[in-house]
Protein backbone atom coordinates (compact mmCIF):
# COMPACT_ATOMS: atom_id res chain seq x y z
CA UNK A 1 -8.59 19.51 -21.49
CA UNK A 2 -5.73 18.75 -23.90
CA UNK A 3 -5.05 14.83 -24.19
CA UNK A 4 -1.40 15.80 -24.63
CA UNK A 5 1.13 14.88 -22.28
CA UNK A 6 4.94 14.64 -21.95
CA UNK A 7 7.12 11.57 -20.43
CA UNK A 8 10.18 12.78 -18.63
CA UNK A 9 12.35 9.67 -18.96
CA UNK A 10 14.61 11.47 -15.82
CA UNK A 11 11.79 11.80 -13.39
CA UNK A 12 10.58 8.10 -14.44
CA UNK A 13 14.24 6.98 -13.70
CA UNK A 14 13.93 9.07 -10.20
CA UNK A 15 10.84 7.32 -9.53
CA UNK A 16 12.28 3.99 -10.31
CA UNK A 17 14.93 4.61 -7.89
CA UNK A 18 12.69 5.44 -5.04
CA UNK A 19 10.74 2.19 -5.86
CA UNK A 20 14.32 0.50 -5.66
CA UNK A 21 14.88 1.88 -2.29
CA UNK A 22 11.61 1.41 -0.92
CA UNK A 23 11.66 -2.04 -2.03
CA UNK A 24 15.29 -2.47 -0.21
CA UNK A 25 13.86 -1.01 2.96
CA UNK A 26 10.92 -3.18 3.09
CA UNK A 27 12.84 -6.31 2.46
CA UNK A 28 15.23 -5.52 4.96
CA UNK A 29 12.62 -5.06 7.66
CA UNK A 30 10.91 -8.00 6.73
CA UNK A 31 14.28 -9.98 7.25
CA UNK A 32 14.49 -8.01 10.32
CA UNK A 33 11.18 -8.81 11.91
CA UNK A 34 11.33 -12.69 10.55
CA UNK A 35 14.35 -12.80 12.78
CA UNK A 36 12.80 -11.43 15.89
CA UNK A 37 9.45 -12.63 15.42
CA UNK A 38 10.01 -16.24 14.69
CA UNK A 39 8.03 -19.47 16.17
CA UNK A 40 11.33 -19.82 18.83
CA UNK A 41 11.05 -16.13 19.86
CA UNK A 42 7.01 -16.15 20.44
CA UNK A 43 6.94 -19.31 22.36
CA UNK A 44 9.91 -17.78 24.46
CA UNK A 45 7.77 -14.60 24.76
CA UNK A 46 4.52 -16.43 25.67
CA UNK A 47 6.27 -19.27 27.77
CA UNK A 48 5.00 -23.12 27.76
CA UNK A 49 1.78 -22.20 29.82
CA UNK A 50 -0.86 -24.74 28.62
CA UNK A 51 -3.60 -21.75 28.21
CA UNK A 52 -1.07 -19.58 26.16
CA UNK A 53 -0.63 -22.08 23.51
CA UNK A 54 -3.53 -21.15 21.16
CA UNK A 55 -2.47 -17.23 21.49
CA UNK A 56 1.44 -18.45 20.58
CA UNK A 57 0.02 -20.19 17.56
CA UNK A 58 -2.07 -17.56 16.64
CA UNK A 59 0.53 -15.08 16.73
CA UNK A 60 3.01 -17.49 15.19
CA UNK A 61 0.73 -17.77 12.13
CA UNK A 62 0.32 -13.81 12.28
CA UNK A 63 3.79 -13.41 12.01
CA UNK A 64 3.96 -15.77 9.24
CA UNK A 65 1.26 -14.16 6.94
CA UNK A 66 2.71 -10.87 7.63
CA UNK A 67 6.18 -11.94 6.33
CA UNK A 68 4.72 -13.62 3.38
CA UNK A 69 2.48 -10.63 2.57
CA UNK A 70 5.25 -7.68 3.04
CA UNK A 71 7.62 -10.05 1.01
CA UNK A 72 5.18 -10.03 -1.82
CA UNK A 73 4.76 -6.33 -1.30
CA UNK A 74 8.49 -5.88 -1.46
CA UNK A 75 8.77 -7.88 -4.52
CA UNK A 76 5.93 -5.93 -6.41
CA UNK A 77 7.66 -2.63 -5.73
CA UNK A 78 10.74 -3.99 -7.24
CA UNK A 79 8.40 -4.99 -10.54
CA UNK A 80 7.33 -1.57 -10.53
CA UNK A 81 10.79 -0.42 -10.54
CA UNK A 82 11.73 -2.53 -13.30
CA UNK A 83 8.98 -1.52 -15.52
CA UNK A 84 9.29 2.08 -14.65
CA UNK A 85 13.24 2.00 -15.44
CA UNK A 86 12.48 -0.04 -18.50
CA UNK A 87 9.70 2.78 -19.70
CA UNK A 88 12.40 5.17 -19.00
CA UNK A 89 14.82 3.88 -21.32
CA UNK A 90 12.09 3.34 -24.08
CA UNK A 91 11.01 6.88 -23.76
CA UNK A 92 14.50 8.31 -23.77
CA UNK A 93 15.10 6.04 -26.94
CA UNK A 94 12.35 7.32 -28.48
CA UNK A 95 12.99 11.14 -27.80
CA UNK A 96 16.69 10.42 -29.28
CA UNK A 97 15.00 8.86 -32.28
CA UNK A 98 12.36 11.54 -32.84
CA UNK A 99 15.21 14.42 -32.30
CA UNK A 100 17.37 12.52 -34.85
CA UNK A 101 14.44 12.70 -37.61
CA UNK A 102 14.30 16.35 -36.83
CA UNK A 103 17.70 17.15 -37.66
CA UNK A 104 17.38 14.94 -40.67
CA UNK A 105 19.35 12.23 -39.47
CA UNK A 106 18.79 8.74 -39.60
CA UNK A 107 17.73 6.75 -36.24
């Protein structure tokens, strides 16, 4: 097994764009979920029965934690996107510099 590998900056840039799309889609879905699963909407769904207060509180807490967790995931996707984009740019610059050296030019 060879230890050689090649990083294709264009493919890395495509992957970065895919993460950007997923981060945007997830953030949009979280905003939509937050709008439909807020405390007021959950209270309306369960009503004001005394025995439903514990269930209502549990659902409100669950929805809040889900929004927070998915928001973190969307931000993490965007951080991965930025790292991939930066790496693609650095790889392309290194490839260009190396090509210049082989052509006898200066970088």
